[in-house]
Protein backbone atom coordinates (compact mmCIF):
# COMPACT_ATOMS: atom_id res chain seq x y z
CA UNK A 1 26.74 -64.37 46.40
CA UNK A 2 23.22 -64.27 47.77
CA UNK A 3 21.47 -66.44 50.32
CA UNK A 4 19.51 -68.95 48.24
CA UNK A 5 17.66 -70.86 50.93
CA UNK A 6 15.34 -68.02 51.92
CA UNK A 7 12.00 -69.82 51.76
CA UNK A 8 13.07 -73.18 53.13
CA UNK A 9 15.59 -71.94 55.67
CA UNK A 10 15.06 -68.26 56.31
CA UNK A 11 17.17 -65.89 58.35
CA UNK A 12 14.66 -65.82 61.22
CA UNK A 13 14.89 -69.58 61.75
CA UNK A 14 18.69 -69.47 61.60
CA UNK A 15 18.95 -66.58 64.03
CA UNK A 16 16.53 -68.23 66.46
CA UNK A 17 18.99 -71.10 66.77
CA UNK A 18 22.09 -68.96 67.15
CA UNK A 19 23.38 -68.96 63.56
CA UNK A 20 24.44 -66.16 61.29
CA UNK A 21 25.40 -66.17 57.62
CA UNK A 22 29.16 -65.84 57.04
CA UNK A 23 29.49 -66.86 53.38
CA UNK A 24 26.45 -66.50 51.14
CA UNK A 25 28.19 -67.89 48.07
CA UNK A 26 28.89 -71.18 49.87
CA UNK A 27 25.72 -71.07 52.00
CA UNK A 28 27.85 -71.31 55.13
CA UNK A 29 26.57 -70.29 58.55
CA UNK A 30 28.32 -69.99 61.92
CA UNK A 31 27.07 -70.30 65.47
CA UNK A 32 27.87 -67.15 67.44
CA UNK A 33 27.99 -69.07 70.71
CA UNK A 34 30.22 -72.07 69.97
CA UNK A 35 31.85 -71.02 66.68
CA UNK A 36 30.72 -74.13 64.77
CA UNK A 37 30.52 -73.72 60.97
CA UNK A 38 27.77 -75.44 58.97
CA UNK A 39 27.27 -75.69 55.22
CA UNK A 40 23.57 -75.48 54.34
CA UNK A 41 23.84 -75.73 50.55
CA UNK A 42 20.93 -77.54 48.89
CA UNK A 43 20.97 -79.23 45.48
CA UNK A 44 19.29 -77.48 42.58
CA UNK A 45 15.66 -78.55 42.85
CA UNK A 46 15.42 -78.53 39.05
CA UNK A 47 18.27 -81.01 38.61
CA UNK A 48 17.47 -83.66 41.25
CA UNK A 49 14.52 -85.81 42.14
CA UNK A 50 12.11 -84.06 44.53
CA UNK A 51 12.48 -86.90 47.04
CA UNK A 52 16.24 -86.32 47.12
CA UNK A 53 15.79 -82.57 47.50
CA UNK A 54 13.33 -82.97 50.39
CA UNK A 55 15.66 -85.41 52.14
CA UNK A 56 18.53 -82.94 51.87
CA UNK A 57 16.27 -80.18 53.15
CA UNK A 58 15.26 -82.24 56.19
CA UNK A 59 18.91 -83.02 56.93
CA UNK A 60 19.83 -79.35 56.79
CA UNK A 61 16.93 -78.43 59.09
CA UNK A 62 18.01 -81.11 61.58
CA UNK A 63 21.62 -79.91 61.40
CA UNK A 64 20.59 -76.34 62.19
CA UNK A 65 18.99 -77.64 65.39
CA UNK A 66 21.66 -80.13 66.42
CA UNK A 67 25.06 -79.20 64.93
CA UNK A 68 26.39 -77.13 67.80
CA UNK A 69 29.17 -78.09 70.15
CA UNK A 70 27.93 -80.26 73.04
CA UNK A 71 28.10 -77.45 75.59
CA UNK A 72 26.69 -74.73 73.30
CA UNK A 73 23.89 -72.71 74.91
CA UNK A 74 22.29 -72.06 71.53
CA UNK A 75 21.61 -75.77 71.06
CA UNK A 76 18.63 -75.59 73.37
CA UNK A 77 17.68 -72.01 72.64
CA UNK A 78 13.98 -71.34 72.48
CA UNK A 79 12.50 -69.12 69.74
CA UNK A 80 12.37 -66.20 72.19
CA UNK A 81 15.88 -64.79 71.89
CA UNK A 82 15.69 -62.89 75.09
CA UNK A 83 14.91 -65.67 77.57
CA UNK A 84 18.62 -66.29 78.09
CA UNK A 85 19.36 -62.58 78.55
CA UNK A 86 17.02 -61.80 81.42
CA UNK A 87 19.59 -60.47 83.89
CA UNK A 88 20.74 -56.86 83.79
CA UNK A 89 24.41 -57.89 83.68
CA UNK A 90 23.83 -60.22 80.71
CA UNK A 91 21.87 -57.58 78.81
CA UNK A 92 24.53 -54.97 79.56
CA UNK A 93 27.26 -57.27 78.26
CA UNK A 94 25.25 -57.88 75.09
CA UNK A 95 24.80 -54.15 74.48
CA UNK A 96 28.45 -53.34 75.15
CA UNK A 97 29.54 -56.15 72.85
CA UNK A 98 27.58 -54.60 69.98
CA UNK A 99 28.91 -51.12 70.73
CA UNK A 100 32.47 -52.46 70.79
CA UNK A 101 32.17 -53.23 67.07
CA UNK A 102 31.21 -49.60 66.34
CA UNK A 103 33.38 -47.61 68.75
CA UNK A 104 35.60 -46.23 65.97
CA UNK A 105 32.73 -45.35 63.64
CA UNK A 106 31.48 -41.81 63.08
CA UNK A 107 28.33 -40.52 61.43
CA UNK A 108 28.82 -38.60 58.16
CA UNK A 109 27.92 -34.92 58.31
CA UNK A 110 24.30 -34.13 57.51
CA UNK A 111 23.02 -37.63 58.28
CA UNK A 112 20.46 -37.97 61.06
CA UNK A 113 19.76 -41.10 63.07
CA UNK A 114 16.70 -40.32 65.16
CA UNK A 115 15.33 -42.50 67.93
CA UNK A 116 12.64 -41.21 70.30
CA UNK A 117 12.53 -42.48 73.85
CA UNK A 118 16.25 -43.07 74.37
CA UNK A 119 17.66 -40.51 76.79
CA UNK A 120 21.24 -39.27 76.67
CA UNK A 121 21.70 -39.72 80.43
CA UNK A 122 20.67 -43.37 80.07
CA UNK A 123 23.15 -43.89 77.25
CA UNK A 124 25.92 -42.50 79.46
CA UNK A 125 24.86 -44.84 82.26
CA UNK A 126 25.04 -47.88 79.98
CA UNK A 127 28.04 -46.70 77.93
CA UNK A 128 30.17 -44.32 80.08
CA UNK A 129 32.85 -43.80 77.39
CA UNK A 130 32.07 -40.29 76.11
CA UNK A 131 34.58 -40.60 73.27
CA UNK A 132 32.20 -42.93 71.39
CA UNK A 133 29.70 -41.29 69.04
CA UNK A 134 26.35 -41.13 70.82
CA UNK A 135 24.59 -42.24 67.64
CA UNK A 136 26.53 -45.50 67.76
CA UNK A 137 25.21 -46.02 71.27
CA UNK A 138 21.64 -45.62 70.01
CA UNK A 139 22.34 -48.12 67.26
CA UNK A 140 23.74 -50.63 69.75
CA UNK A 141 20.68 -50.26 71.98
CA UNK A 142 18.34 -51.00 69.08
CA UNK A 143 20.18 -54.11 67.90
CA UNK A 144 22.73 -52.90 65.35
CA UNK A 145 26.43 -53.63 65.05
CA UNK A 146 29.21 -52.76 62.61
CA UNK A 147 29.07 -54.40 59.18
CA UNK A 148 31.84 -52.45 57.49
CA UNK A 149 33.30 -48.94 57.74
CA UNK A 150 30.14 -47.27 56.39
CA UNK A 151 27.25 -49.59 57.26
CA UNK A 152 25.64 -51.40 60.17
CA UNK A 153 23.88 -54.74 60.41
CA UNK A 154 21.23 -56.14 62.71
CA UNK A 155 22.78 -58.98 64.69
CA UNK A 156 19.55 -61.04 64.45
CA UNK A 157 17.69 -60.36 61.19
CA UNK A 158 20.98 -59.48 59.39
CA UNK A 159 19.53 -56.48 57.60
CA UNK A 160 22.31 -54.13 56.52
CA UNK A 161 21.88 -50.35 56.34
CA UNK A 162 24.24 -47.73 54.99
CA UNK A 163 25.16 -44.81 57.23
CA UNK A 164 25.05 -42.55 54.19
CA UNK A 165 21.29 -42.10 54.57
CA UNK A 166 19.07 -41.15 57.49
CA UNK A 167 16.88 -43.74 59.20
CA UNK A 168 15.20 -44.65 62.48
CA UNK A 169 17.08 -47.63 63.94
CA UNK A 170 14.27 -49.34 65.87
CA UNK A 171 11.90 -49.45 62.90
CA UNK A 172 14.46 -50.31 60.22
CA UNK A 173 14.79 -54.02 61.01
CA UNK A 174 13.11 -56.62 58.83
CA UNK A 175 9.45 -56.92 59.83
CA UNK A 176 10.05 -60.39 61.30
CA UNK A 177 13.09 -59.40 63.35
CA UNK A 178 13.01 -60.67 66.95
CA UNK A 179 14.02 -57.22 68.18
CA UNK A 180 10.52 -56.10 67.16
CA UNK A 181 8.71 -59.03 68.77
CA UNK A 182 6.07 -57.80 71.24
CA UNK A 183 6.68 -58.52 74.89
CA UNK A 184 3.76 -59.32 77.21
CA UNK A 185 1.90 -57.76 78.90
CA UNK A 186 2.45 -54.32 77.33
CA UNK A 187 3.35 -55.49 73.82
CA UNK A 188 6.41 -53.27 73.60
CA UNK A 189 9.35 -54.35 71.39
CA UNK A 190 12.00 -56.63 72.86
CA UNK A 191 14.81 -54.12 72.25
CA UNK A 192 12.91 -51.66 74.44
CA UNK A 193 12.37 -54.25 77.17
CA UNK A 194 16.12 -54.85 77.26
CA UNK A 195 16.80 -51.10 77.38
CA UNK A 196 14.33 -50.54 80.22
CA UNK A 197 15.78 -53.49 82.14
CA UNK A 198 19.33 -52.17 81.94
CA UNK A 199 18.39 -48.64 83.06
CA UNK A 200 15.81 -49.78 85.66
CA UNK A 201 12.90 -48.15 83.89
CA UNK A 202 9.27 -49.16 84.25
CA UNK A 203 7.28 -48.56 81.09
CA UNK A 204 3.70 -47.46 81.66
CA UNK A 205 0.84 -48.49 79.40
CA UNK A 206 0.61 -45.00 77.90
CA UNK A 207 4.36 -44.97 77.25
CA UNK A 208 4.21 -48.38 75.58
CA UNK A 209 1.38 -47.28 73.33
CA UNK A 210 3.37 -44.21 72.34
CA UNK A 211 6.39 -46.38 71.53
CA UNK A 212 4.32 -48.74 69.39
CA UNK A 213 2.58 -45.83 67.65
CA UNK A 214 5.88 -44.13 66.83
CA UNK A 215 7.33 -47.38 65.52
CA UNK A 216 4.33 -47.99 63.28
CA UNK A 217 4.34 -44.45 61.93
CA UNK A 218 8.09 -44.53 61.36
CA UNK A 219 7.95 -47.91 59.64
CA UNK A 220 5.33 -46.61 57.22
CA UNK A 221 7.43 -43.55 56.42
CA UNK A 222 10.78 -45.35 56.19
CA UNK A 223 9.65 -48.64 54.66
CA UNK A 224 12.04 -48.09 51.77
CA UNK A 225 15.39 -47.26 53.34
CA UNK A 226 18.46 -46.72 51.17
């Protein structure tokens, strides 16, 4: 099934509060932090009174904010996803967790995953295991994790991409994805801020402008990924 609450309860709002879709047919979401499951199904707006529909919608919105376990960190999460991952150790754990899902995956022959600005020596510093495909390390850095044996999914915007076609990971998220949110004062994407933090890099203004320019150019070229 497909997610049917897109306009009223979109993926960005769900992800901001720690939820991810686990069953589209039943409109069921799950909190990644505390493991709580929540059904967000709404009645058919054409078959119920609008007052009833709006009441149900309000209840679902309130539940998304409040229906976590009492000690869940996502319950008080602010819209900026990265405020709770501001330490190098926390960011490193987050990156390694994503890579763990992809450690057995391999890129098909002839398929290129290009990402400027990520250096091989940095990848080896973050992910020392040389047996893991270096492309999977680039995907983990830019916010992707395993979806199934031949595709990856963004852990925040939930966009899924097949590994049977070439793409640029950092510019292939949905346009509203938090990984692409600008970070003050240089307005570089959040995924890059996390990367620079883990490898102790300081991004200059000229470097940040180059990163943004490459992302914009790549997004125009690859706006229709397979």
